[in-house]
Amino acid sequence: MAYIKNLPHKDIFRLADQVAVQNGQVVSKTVAQNNAVSLTIFAFDKGEEISTHESKGDAMVTVLEGKGRFTVEEDVFILNEGESLIMPAGKPHSVHGEEAFKMLLTVVFPRERNVTGIE
C-alpha cells in the first residue's frame, strides 16, 4: 500500500514539475492525506488566490517556483522560490499569486480533525 500517491515511486523527480500553471486557475495535486498529515502541491496563475480560511493543523508552505503572497491574520509575507512559511493552526490565512507560482503545502494535524482540515 502506498501512502504517498500521485507521484513516481523509486524514481527521481522535481515536485514543481508535478503540477502545471493553468490560465486563470489554482491547480492542486494531493500526494498524501490522512488523520495526521496532508501534502498537496499547488500551481497558481498570477492573480489567483485561495481566500481567507483556517486550518485545524499547522500549515507549512514551501514555494517551489515563482512568487506568492501569504497573509496570516494581519501579517503579509512575500515568498520566493525555496522559501517557506508556517501558518499556525487556527489563524486565518490566505494565499495569492503575486506571479504564477507553485508551492508544496504540508499540514500537520492534531489527533482528531475533519477530513479536509479546512474550517
C-alpha atoms as a PDB file:
ATOM      1  CA  MET A   1       0.000   0.000   0.000  1.00  0.00           C
ATOM      2  CA  ALA A   2       1.405   3.401  -0.991  1.00  0.00           C
ATOM      3  CA  TYR A   3       0.915   6.223   1.487  1.00  0.00           C
ATOM      4  CA  ILE A   4       2.261   8.807  -0.944  1.00  0.00           C
ATOM      5  CA  LYS A   5       0.193   8.794  -4.131  1.00  0.00           C
ATOM      6  CA  ASN A   6       0.167  10.584  -7.482  1.00  0.00           C
ATOM      7  CA  LEU A   7       3.989  10.760  -7.572  1.00  0.00           C
ATOM      8  CA  PRO A   8       6.546   8.370  -9.053  1.00  0.00           C
ATOM      9  CA  HIS A   9       7.948   5.859  -6.585  1.00  0.00           C
ATOM     10  CA  LYS A  10      11.596   4.796  -6.689  1.00  0.00           C
ATOM     11  CA  ASP A  11      12.387   7.491  -9.244  1.00  0.00           C
ATOM     12  CA  ILE A  12      13.925  10.970  -9.112  1.00  0.00           C
ATOM     13  CA  PHE A  13      11.552  13.820  -9.913  1.00  0.00           C
ATOM     14  CA  ARG A  14      11.007  17.551  -9.366  1.00  0.00           C
ATOM     15  CA  LEU A  15       7.973  18.485  -7.269  1.00  0.00           C
ATOM     16  CA  ALA A  16       7.478  21.647  -9.334  1.00  0.00           C
ATOM     17  CA  ASP A  17       7.053  19.527 -12.472  1.00  0.00           C
ATOM     18  CA  GLN A  18       4.138  17.609 -10.964  1.00  0.00           C
ATOM     19  CA  VAL A  19       1.608  20.437 -11.475  1.00  0.00           C
ATOM     20  CA  ALA A  20       1.253  22.937 -14.299  1.00  0.00           C
ATOM     21  CA  VAL A  21       0.116  26.543 -14.037  1.00  0.00           C
ATOM     22  CA  GLN A  22      -3.141  26.920 -15.933  1.00  0.00           C
ATOM     23  CA  ASN A  23      -4.593  30.211 -17.125  1.00  0.00           C
ATOM     24  CA  GLY A  24      -6.953  31.715 -14.534  1.00  0.00           C
ATOM     25  CA  GLN A  25      -6.819  28.741 -12.185  1.00  0.00           C
ATOM     26  CA  VAL A  26      -5.454  27.259  -9.000  1.00  0.00           C
ATOM     27  CA  VAL A  27      -4.437  23.651  -9.672  1.00  0.00           C
ATOM     28  CA  SER A  28      -3.710  21.140  -6.924  1.00  0.00           C
ATOM     29  CA  LYS A  29      -2.475  17.578  -6.613  1.00  0.00           C
ATOM     30  CA  THR A  30      -2.870  15.771  -3.292  1.00  0.00           C
ATOM     31  CA  VAL A  31       0.025  13.422  -2.638  1.00  0.00           C
ATOM     32  CA  ALA A  32      -0.797  12.285   0.912  1.00  0.00           C
ATOM     33  CA  GLN A  33      -3.724  12.762   3.244  1.00  0.00           C
ATOM     34  CA  ASN A  34      -4.591  11.024   6.477  1.00  0.00           C
ATOM     35  CA  ASN A  35      -5.560  11.953  10.033  1.00  0.00           C
ATOM     36  CA  ALA A  36      -2.051  13.189  10.842  1.00  0.00           C
ATOM     37  CA  VAL A  37      -0.741  14.948   7.729  1.00  0.00           C
ATOM     38  CA  SER A  38      -1.708  16.335   4.341  1.00  0.00           C
ATOM     39  CA  LEU A  39       0.720  17.029   1.462  1.00  0.00           C
ATOM     40  CA  THR A  40      -0.549  18.944  -1.560  1.00  0.00           C
ATOM     41  CA  ILE A  41       1.273  20.555  -4.487  1.00  0.00           C
ATOM     42  CA  PHE A  42      -0.352  23.717  -5.868  1.00  0.00           C
ATOM     43  CA  ALA A  43       0.102  25.829  -9.006  1.00  0.00           C
ATOM     44  CA  PHE A  44      -1.373  29.354  -9.009  1.00  0.00           C
ATOM     45  CA  ASP A  45      -1.758  31.550 -12.049  1.00  0.00           C
ATOM     46  CA  LYS A  46      -0.827  35.206 -11.474  1.00  0.00           C
ATOM     47  CA  GLY A  47      -3.627  36.926  -9.555  1.00  0.00           C
ATOM     48  CA  GLU A  48      -5.363  33.714  -8.485  1.00  0.00           C
ATOM     49  CA  GLU A  49      -5.926  33.056  -4.798  1.00  0.00           C
ATOM     50  CA  ILE A  50      -7.303  30.882  -2.051  1.00  0.00           C
ATOM     51  CA  SER A  51      -9.444  33.145   0.116  1.00  0.00           C
ATOM     52  CA  THR A  52      -9.113  33.520   3.865  1.00  0.00           C
ATOM     53  CA  HIS A  53      -9.710  30.332   5.825  1.00  0.00           C
ATOM     54  CA  GLU A  54      -8.398  28.499   8.893  1.00  0.00           C
ATOM     55  CA  SER A  55      -6.939  25.046   9.410  1.00  0.00           C
ATOM     56  CA  LYS A  56      -7.024  22.845  12.489  1.00  0.00           C
ATOM     57  CA  GLY A  57      -3.402  21.922  11.788  1.00  0.00           C
ATOM     58  CA  ASP A  58      -0.163  23.869  11.403  1.00  0.00           C
ATOM     59  CA  ALA A  59       0.387  24.566   7.700  1.00  0.00           C
ATOM     60  CA  MET A  60       3.866  24.920   6.209  1.00  0.00           C
ATOM     61  CA  VAL A  61       4.223  26.222   2.659  1.00  0.00           C
ATOM     62  CA  THR A  62       7.361  26.000   0.554  1.00  0.00           C
ATOM     63  CA  VAL A  63       7.468  27.909  -2.720  1.00  0.00           C
ATOM     64  CA  LEU A  64       8.812  25.671  -5.487  1.00  0.00           C
ATOM     65  CA  GLU A  65       8.764  28.258  -8.321  1.00  0.00           C
ATOM     66  CA  GLY A  66       7.732  31.889  -8.703  1.00  0.00           C
ATOM     67  CA  LYS A  67       6.431  34.252  -6.029  1.00  0.00           C
ATOM     68  CA  GLY A  68       3.412  34.043  -3.717  1.00  0.00           C
ATOM     69  CA  ARG A  69       1.825  36.336  -1.158  1.00  0.00           C
ATOM     70  CA  PHE A  70       0.649  34.804   2.101  1.00  0.00           C
ATOM     71  CA  THR A  71      -1.460  36.666   4.620  1.00  0.00           C
ATOM     72  CA  VAL A  72      -1.621  35.287   8.163  1.00  0.00           C
ATOM     73  CA  GLU A  73      -4.010  37.288  10.318  1.00  0.00           C
ATOM     74  CA  GLU A  74      -2.836  40.855   9.579  1.00  0.00           C
ATOM     75  CA  ASP A  75       0.716  39.968   8.533  1.00  0.00           C
ATOM     76  CA  VAL A  76       1.663  39.782   4.832  1.00  0.00           C
ATOM     77  CA  PHE A  77       4.603  37.691   3.602  1.00  0.00           C
ATOM     78  CA  ILE A  78       6.065  37.540   0.083  1.00  0.00           C
ATOM     79  CA  LEU A  79       7.819  34.230  -0.537  1.00  0.00           C
ATOM     80  CA  ASN A  80      10.117  33.380  -3.427  1.00  0.00           C
ATOM     81  CA  GLU A  81      11.371  30.050  -4.728  1.00  0.00           C
ATOM     82  CA  GLY A  82      12.953  27.988  -1.951  1.00  0.00           C
ATOM     83  CA  GLU A  83      11.391  29.971   0.907  1.00  0.00           C
ATOM     84  CA  SER A  84       8.981  28.547   3.490  1.00  0.00           C
ATOM     85  CA  LEU A  85       6.467  29.873   6.000  1.00  0.00           C
ATOM     86  CA  ILE A  86       4.488  28.264   8.795  1.00  0.00           C
ATOM     87  CA  MET A  87       0.887  29.384   9.216  1.00  0.00           C
ATOM     88  CA  PRO A  88      -0.209  28.351  12.722  1.00  0.00           C
ATOM     89  CA  ALA A  89      -3.325  26.282  13.335  1.00  0.00           C
ATOM     90  CA  GLY A  90      -6.484  28.268  13.962  1.00  0.00           C
ATOM     91  CA  LYS A  91      -5.122  31.508  12.457  1.00  0.00           C
ATOM     92  CA  PRO A  92      -6.920  32.955   9.418  1.00  0.00           C
ATOM     93  CA  HIS A  93      -4.723  32.918   6.311  1.00  0.00           C
ATOM     94  CA  SER A  94      -4.921  33.299   2.540  1.00  0.00           C
ATOM     95  CA  VAL A  95      -2.695  32.707  -0.493  1.00  0.00           C
ATOM     96  CA  HIS A  96      -2.337  34.917  -3.586  1.00  0.00           C
ATOM     97  CA  GLY A  97      -0.291  34.536  -6.762  1.00  0.00           C
ATOM     98  CA  GLU A  98       1.924  37.631  -6.974  1.00  0.00           C
ATOM     99  CA  GLU A  99       3.055  35.974 -10.191  1.00  0.00           C
ATOM    100  CA  ALA A 100       2.490  32.444 -11.427  1.00  0.00           C
ATOM    101  CA  PHE A 101       3.901  30.188  -8.736  1.00  0.00           C
ATOM    102  CA  LYS A 102       3.986  26.664  -7.356  1.00  0.00           C
ATOM    103  CA  MET A 103       4.114  25.538  -3.759  1.00  0.00           C
ATOM    104  CA  LEU A 104       4.104  22.484  -1.549  1.00  0.00           C
ATOM    105  CA  LEU A 105       1.621  22.639   1.336  1.00  0.00           C
ATOM    106  CA  THR A 106       2.261  20.412   4.343  1.00  0.00           C
ATOM    107  CA  VAL A 107      -0.364  20.406   7.082  1.00  0.00           C
ATOM    108  CA  VAL A 108       0.227  18.578  10.364  1.00  0.00           C
ATOM    109  CA  PHE A 109      -2.985  17.951  12.278  1.00  0.00           C
ATOM    110  CA  PRO A 110      -3.852  17.349  15.925  1.00  0.00           C
ATOM    111  CA  ARG A 111      -5.109  13.860  16.774  1.00  0.00           C
ATOM    112  CA  GLU A 112      -8.742  14.484  15.769  1.00  0.00           C
ATOM    113  CA  ARG A 113      -9.927  16.575  12.818  1.00  0.00           C
ATOM    114  CA  ASN A 114     -12.405  16.642   9.974  1.00  0.00           C
ATOM    115  CA  VAL A 115     -11.422  15.056   6.665  1.00  0.00           C
ATOM    116  CA  THR A 116     -10.417  18.255   4.815  1.00  0.00           C
ATOM    117  CA  GLY A 117      -8.745  20.044   7.709  1.00  0.00           C
ATOM    118  CA  ILE A 118     -10.285  23.316   6.494  1.00  0.00           C
ATOM    119  CA  GLU A 119     -12.885  25.061   8.625  1.00  0.00           C
END
